[in-house]
Protein backbone atom coordinates (compact mmCIF):
# COMPACT_ATOMS: atom_id res chain seq x y z
CA UNK A 1 136.56 49.77 61.29
CA UNK A 2 136.69 53.54 61.26
CA UNK A 3 139.64 55.32 59.71
CA UNK A 4 142.67 55.53 61.96
CA UNK A 5 143.17 58.79 63.85
CA UNK A 6 146.22 60.14 65.64
CA UNK A 7 146.68 58.43 69.00
CA UNK A 8 147.33 60.64 72.03
CA UNK A 9 150.75 60.72 73.63
CA UNK A 10 149.66 58.90 76.81
CA UNK A 11 148.48 55.94 74.72
CA UNK A 12 151.66 55.54 72.66
CA UNK A 13 153.73 55.95 75.82
CA UNK A 14 151.72 53.19 77.53
CA UNK A 15 152.23 50.81 74.60
CA UNK A 16 155.97 51.47 74.77
CA UNK A 17 155.88 49.47 78.02
CA UNK A 18 155.86 46.06 76.37
CA UNK A 19 154.46 43.51 78.83
CA UNK A 20 156.14 40.37 80.02
CA UNK A 21 154.60 37.24 78.48
CA UNK A 22 154.00 34.22 80.67
CA UNK A 23 152.02 31.00 80.68
CA UNK A 24 151.19 28.21 83.08
CA UNK A 25 149.24 24.96 83.05
CA UNK A 26 145.79 25.00 84.65
CA UNK A 27 143.88 21.72 84.66
CA UNK A 28 145.46 20.56 81.43
CA UNK A 29 145.32 23.82 79.46
CA UNK A 30 148.10 26.33 78.81
CA UNK A 31 146.93 29.70 80.13
CA UNK A 32 148.76 32.76 78.80
CA UNK A 33 148.97 36.09 80.56
CA UNK A 34 150.73 39.44 80.34
CA UNK A 35 152.39 41.28 83.22
CA UNK A 36 153.59 44.79 84.00
CA UNK A 37 155.18 46.34 87.05
CA UNK A 38 157.68 45.26 89.65
CA UNK A 39 157.24 41.81 91.20
CA UNK A 40 156.48 42.06 94.89
CA UNK A 41 154.11 45.02 94.58
CA UNK A 42 150.40 44.48 95.43
CA UNK A 43 148.85 42.41 92.65
CA UNK A 44 146.00 43.23 90.28
CA UNK A 45 144.65 40.50 88.00
CA UNK A 46 142.71 41.85 84.99
CA UNK A 47 140.05 39.70 83.29
CA UNK A 48 138.76 40.47 79.78
CA UNK A 49 135.25 40.03 78.39
CA UNK A 50 133.83 37.40 76.05
CA UNK A 51 135.64 37.00 72.68
CA UNK A 52 138.28 39.43 73.97
CA UNK A 53 141.83 38.88 75.26
CA UNK A 54 144.52 40.22 77.57
CA UNK A 55 145.62 42.93 75.14
CA UNK A 56 142.35 44.78 75.78
CA UNK A 57 144.21 45.93 78.91
CA UNK A 58 147.55 46.77 77.23
CA UNK A 59 146.97 50.53 77.33
CA UNK A 60 145.83 50.44 80.97
CA UNK A 61 148.24 47.91 82.46
CA UNK A 62 151.23 50.29 82.48
CA UNK A 63 149.14 53.04 84.11
CA UNK A 64 147.99 50.70 86.87
CA UNK A 65 151.52 49.31 87.27
CA UNK A 66 152.89 52.50 88.81
CA UNK A 67 152.24 51.03 92.25
CA UNK A 68 151.04 47.49 91.49
CA UNK A 69 152.15 44.30 89.85
CA UNK A 70 149.56 43.84 87.08
CA UNK A 71 148.66 40.58 85.32
CA UNK A 72 146.14 40.34 82.44
CA UNK A 73 144.94 36.83 81.71
CA UNK A 74 143.82 35.16 78.48
CA UNK A 75 141.01 32.93 79.73
CA UNK A 76 140.92 29.47 78.13
CA UNK A 77 139.22 29.68 74.74
CA UNK A 78 140.49 33.24 74.27
CA UNK A 79 143.61 35.03 73.10
CA UNK A 80 146.77 32.91 73.19
CA UNK A 81 145.50 30.38 75.75
CA UNK A 82 144.48 26.84 74.89
CA UNK A 83 140.95 25.85 73.99
CA UNK A 84 138.95 23.37 76.06
CA UNK A 85 136.15 20.94 75.27
CA UNK A 86 133.82 22.78 77.66
CA UNK A 87 133.84 26.15 79.42
CA UNK A 88 132.48 27.15 82.80
CA UNK A 89 132.81 30.31 84.85
CA UNK A 90 134.03 28.41 87.90
CA UNK A 91 136.88 26.91 85.87
CA UNK A 92 137.76 30.35 84.47
CA UNK A 93 137.80 31.60 88.07
CA UNK A 94 140.31 28.88 88.94
CA UNK A 95 142.46 30.02 86.01
CA UNK A 96 142.38 33.56 87.41
CA UNK A 97 143.38 32.30 90.84
CA UNK A 98 146.22 30.25 89.33
CA UNK A 99 147.66 33.40 87.75
CA UNK A 100 147.19 35.20 91.07
CA UNK A 101 149.04 32.44 92.91
CA UNK A 102 151.90 32.58 90.41
CA UNK A 103 152.31 36.36 90.63
CA UNK A 104 151.38 37.52 94.12
CA UNK A 105 153.99 38.22 96.74
CA UNK A 106 154.09 35.98 99.80
CA UNK A 107 151.45 37.04 102.30
CA UNK A 108 149.69 39.36 99.82
CA UNK A 109 146.08 38.94 98.68
CA UNK A 110 145.38 40.16 95.11
CA UNK A 111 142.57 42.26 93.69
CA UNK A 112 140.72 40.90 90.63
CA UNK A 113 139.19 43.31 88.08
CA UNK A 114 136.88 41.92 85.40
CA UNK A 115 135.00 43.51 82.49
CA UNK A 116 131.70 42.22 81.04
CA UNK A 117 131.91 38.41 80.94
CA UNK A 118 135.14 38.78 82.89
CA UNK A 119 133.11 40.60 85.52
CA UNK A 120 130.96 37.50 85.95
CA UNK A 121 134.12 35.41 86.32
CA UNK A 122 135.25 37.94 88.93
CA UNK A 123 131.96 37.55 90.81
CA UNK A 124 132.43 33.77 90.86
CA UNK A 125 136.00 34.22 92.10
CA UNK A 126 134.77 36.52 94.88
CA UNK A 127 132.23 33.89 95.93
CA UNK A 128 134.42 30.80 95.63
CA UNK A 129 137.84 32.25 96.50
CA UNK A 130 137.05 35.44 98.36
CA UNK A 131 139.05 34.32 101.39
CA UNK A 132 142.18 34.60 99.23
CA UNK A 133 141.33 37.97 97.64
CA UNK A 134 141.80 41.53 98.85
CA UNK A 135 138.94 42.67 96.63
CA UNK A 136 137.02 42.28 93.38
CA UNK A 137 135.97 45.01 90.92
CA UNK A 138 133.19 44.30 88.43
CA UNK A 139 133.09 46.49 85.30
CA UNK A 140 129.72 46.78 83.50
CA UNK A 141 128.46 43.24 84.08
CA UNK A 142 124.65 43.02 84.39
CA UNK A 143 123.88 40.16 86.74
CA UNK A 144 120.25 39.64 85.69
CA UNK A 145 121.01 38.27 82.26
CA UNK A 146 123.76 36.39 80.38
CA UNK A 147 126.91 38.26 79.44
CA UNK A 148 126.28 40.73 76.58
CA UNK A 149 128.65 39.10 74.10
CA UNK A 150 126.92 35.71 74.35
CA UNK A 151 123.48 37.32 74.28
CA UNK A 152 124.35 39.25 71.14
CA UNK A 153 125.89 36.19 69.52
CA UNK A 154 122.75 34.10 70.08
CA UNK A 155 120.43 36.86 68.89
CA UNK A 156 122.30 37.65 65.68
CA UNK A 157 122.66 34.07 64.55
CA UNK A 158 125.44 31.81 63.24
CA UNK A 159 127.46 34.50 61.47
CA UNK A 160 128.48 36.18 64.71
CA UNK A 161 130.60 34.50 67.36
CA UNK A 162 129.33 30.98 66.76
CA UNK A 163 130.58 30.77 63.15
CA UNK A 164 133.23 33.47 62.77
CA UNK A 165 134.56 34.31 59.33
CA UNK A 166 138.04 33.81 57.89
CA UNK A 167 139.91 36.62 56.13
CA UNK A 168 142.65 36.63 53.50
CA UNK A 169 145.01 38.85 55.52
CA UNK A 170 145.35 40.60 58.86
CA UNK A 171 144.37 44.02 57.56
CA UNK A 172 141.08 42.72 56.14
CA UNK A 173 140.27 41.00 59.41
CA UNK A 174 141.03 44.14 61.38
CA UNK A 175 138.63 46.11 59.21
CA UNK A 176 135.84 43.73 60.29
CA UNK A 177 136.47 44.18 64.01
CA UNK A 178 133.54 45.78 65.82
CA UNK A 179 132.29 46.05 69.37
CA UNK A 180 129.54 43.82 70.75
CA UNK A 181 127.16 45.10 71.95
CA UNK A 182 127.56 47.99 69.49
CA UNK A 183 128.46 51.48 70.66
CA UNK A 184 130.13 54.59 69.21
CA UNK A 185 133.78 54.00 68.34
CA UNK A 186 135.24 57.27 69.53
CA UNK A 187 138.84 56.03 69.81
CA UNK A 188 139.60 54.15 66.57
CA UNK A 189 143.35 54.28 67.35
CA UNK A 190 142.61 52.13 70.40
CA UNK A 191 140.16 49.66 68.85
CA UNK A 192 142.54 49.17 65.94
CA UNK A 193 145.30 48.14 68.34
CA UNK A 194 142.94 45.72 70.09
CA UNK A 195 141.87 44.29 66.73
CA UNK A 196 145.49 43.68 65.74
CA UNK A 197 145.87 41.12 68.51
CA UNK A 198 142.42 39.57 68.04
CA UNK A 199 143.35 37.48 64.98
CA UNK A 200 145.92 34.81 64.18
CA UNK A 201 147.22 33.25 60.95
CA UNK A 202 146.12 29.66 60.20
CA UNK A 203 147.97 27.00 58.25
CA UNK A 204 145.69 27.53 55.25
CA UNK A 205 146.89 31.14 54.93
CA UNK A 206 143.72 32.73 56.31
CA UNK A 207 143.37 34.95 59.38
CA UNK A 208 140.73 34.10 61.97
CA UNK A 209 139.60 35.37 65.36
CA UNK A 210 141.48 33.83 68.26
CA UNK A 211 138.47 32.99 70.45
CA UNK A 212 136.89 29.52 70.44
CA UNK A 213 133.31 29.65 69.05
CA UNK A 214 132.35 26.89 71.50
CA UNK A 215 132.52 29.49 74.28
CA UNK A 216 129.24 30.86 72.92
CA UNK A 217 127.62 27.55 72.02
CA UNK A 218 128.25 25.14 74.88
CA UNK A 219 128.59 27.34 77.95
CA UNK A 220 125.46 26.27 79.84
CA UNK A 221 125.97 26.55 83.61
CA UNK A 222 127.61 30.02 83.63
CA UNK A 223 124.81 31.48 81.48
CA UNK A 224 122.08 31.11 84.12
CA UNK A 225 121.46 34.53 85.70
CA UNK A 226 120.50 32.94 89.01
CA UNK A 227 124.03 31.53 89.32
CA UNK A 228 125.56 34.98 89.21
CA UNK A 229 122.92 36.44 91.49
CA UNK A 230 123.69 33.82 94.14
CA UNK A 231 127.43 34.28 93.70
CA UNK A 232 127.15 38.05 94.05
CA UNK A 233 125.32 37.57 97.31
CA UNK A 234 128.07 35.21 98.51
CA UNK A 235 130.97 37.55 97.73
CA UNK A 236 133.46 37.01 100.54
CA UNK A 237 135.86 39.89 99.92
CA UNK A 238 135.73 43.62 99.30
CA UNK A 239 133.61 44.38 96.24
CA UNK A 240 133.11 47.37 93.93
CA UNK A 241 130.66 47.74 91.03
CA UNK A 242 131.67 50.08 88.19
CA UNK A 243 129.51 50.81 85.14
CA UNK A 244 129.36 53.15 82.18
CA UNK A 245 126.96 56.06 82.59
CA UNK A 246 125.83 55.46 78.98
CA UNK A 247 125.90 51.65 79.15
CA UNK A 248 123.15 50.00 77.13
CA UNK A 249 123.01 47.01 79.48
CA UNK A 250 123.63 48.29 83.02
CA UNK A 251 120.79 50.69 83.84
CA UNK A 252 119.23 51.96 87.06
CA UNK A 253 117.14 48.81 87.51
CA UNK A 254 120.17 46.54 87.13
CA UNK A 255 122.16 48.58 89.63
CA UNK A 256 119.27 48.56 92.11
CA UNK A 257 119.02 44.79 91.79
CA UNK A 258 122.74 44.33 92.32
CA UNK A 259 122.59 46.54 95.40
CA UNK A 260 119.92 44.26 96.83
CA UNK A 261 121.97 41.16 96.08
CA UNK A 262 125.06 42.39 97.93
CA UNK A 263 123.17 43.96 100.84
CA UNK A 264 123.57 40.94 103.13
CA UNK A 265 127.03 39.82 102.06
CA UNK A 266 130.39 40.08 103.78
CA UNK A 267 131.29 42.56 101.03
CA UNK A 268 128.44 44.83 102.14
CA UNK A 269 129.81 44.90 105.68
CA UNK A 270 133.05 46.34 104.28
CA UNK A 271 131.12 48.77 102.06
CA UNK A 272 130.36 48.29 98.33
CA UNK A 273 130.91 51.40 96.18
CA UNK A 274 128.80 51.70 93.02
CA UNK A 275 130.61 53.97 90.55
CA UNK A 276 129.41 55.26 87.19
CA UNK A 277 132.03 56.47 84.70
CA UNK A 278 130.75 59.62 82.92
CA UNK A 279 130.17 59.35 79.16
CA UNK A 280 131.26 55.69 79.16
CA UNK A 281 129.37 53.00 77.28
CA UNK A 282 129.63 49.25 77.94
CA UNK A 283 133.23 49.00 76.69
CA UNK A 284 134.48 51.64 79.11
CA UNK A 285 138.06 50.33 78.82
CA UNK A 286 138.05 51.60 75.24
CA UNK A 287 135.86 54.68 75.16
CA UNK A 288 136.82 56.25 78.51
CA UNK A 289 140.13 54.59 79.42
CA UNK A 290 141.62 57.35 81.57
CA UNK A 291 138.40 57.83 83.52
CA UNK A 292 138.27 54.06 84.06
CA UNK A 293 141.83 54.03 85.41
CA UNK A 294 140.96 56.93 87.70
CA UNK A 295 137.93 55.04 89.05
CA UNK A 296 140.05 51.95 89.69
CA UNK A 297 142.79 53.96 91.39
CA UNK A 298 140.23 55.64 93.65
CA UNK A 299 138.70 52.31 94.66
CA UNK A 300 142.09 50.77 95.35
CA UNK A 301 143.10 53.80 97.42
CA UNK A 302 140.11 53.29 99.71
CA UNK A 303 141.07 49.61 100.10
CA UNK A 304 144.65 50.21 101.16
CA UNK A 305 146.57 48.50 102.49
CA UNK A 306 145.85 46.15 99.58
CA UNK A 307 146.09 42.62 100.89
CA UNK A 308 144.30 43.31 104.18
CA UNK A 309 140.94 41.60 104.52
CA UNK A 310 137.86 43.49 105.71
CA UNK A 311 136.83 42.95 109.32
CA UNK A 312 134.63 39.86 109.73
CA UNK A 313 130.90 40.25 110.13
CA UNK A 314 130.06 40.02 113.84
CA UNK A 315 129.05 36.49 114.73
CA UNK A 316 130.56 35.01 111.52
CA UNK A 317 133.50 32.66 111.25
């Protein structure tokens, strides 16, 4: 990891807002999540990418919590949640909805925001549970291929996510943290904080990554691009697609394809904004965090009142 640099004031102020820590049982697994903001406000549920965790949102949660209740989930097999024997995107979507049910105010429909692999989970949630959502925001998730973390893990062999290394101490492990797919690390003060919560101590005295390697070995159904393409076309709530202008995996062709997929959906009837964050790469939460928050705030402002469903397509039920 690059040498630490001075963090800006907004970042340290955001981290001063220590989140609430919660967990609940979902289909036999303990699912952990963090929360910011006053209960009863419109709810945002934030979903991390592959091999990541809820703390990827820790610098953004307080900024979004000014007028929302914000919950950031650790999907099963990630962060502080339990591991499972098998992983599927539809099950992860049910975990997201369980957190939403636990945190939303009565009569309110939440908005789900997912990055990378979490964006695919968000797409599945919009297709399977869209009737219960006020909207879904997908951050840099290319529908035409598997999620970038799994793709990179398969291409680079067993020493990546499938057989992660152990380290003698936390500091050594943090020094080995890097972004996948790779991109410039322009905010080392931020990636270092994310890395700090990416490892845990084991009984043998070593430090290892929190994610379950089986996520990248046995996840079969969710990896088929056609699944996500069909789900995107079935999105049954408001939808927004956000990408990094410098993303290595979401280019003009991907965006054009995603536009075609949503063109006949209920989401399209309500209007689907496609937003590119200037100077952002794939991990836009980390390299352009304030611009990402601004994009999310703008989208949510156009969807107010949050919790109201879009008008039904004429002739639909």
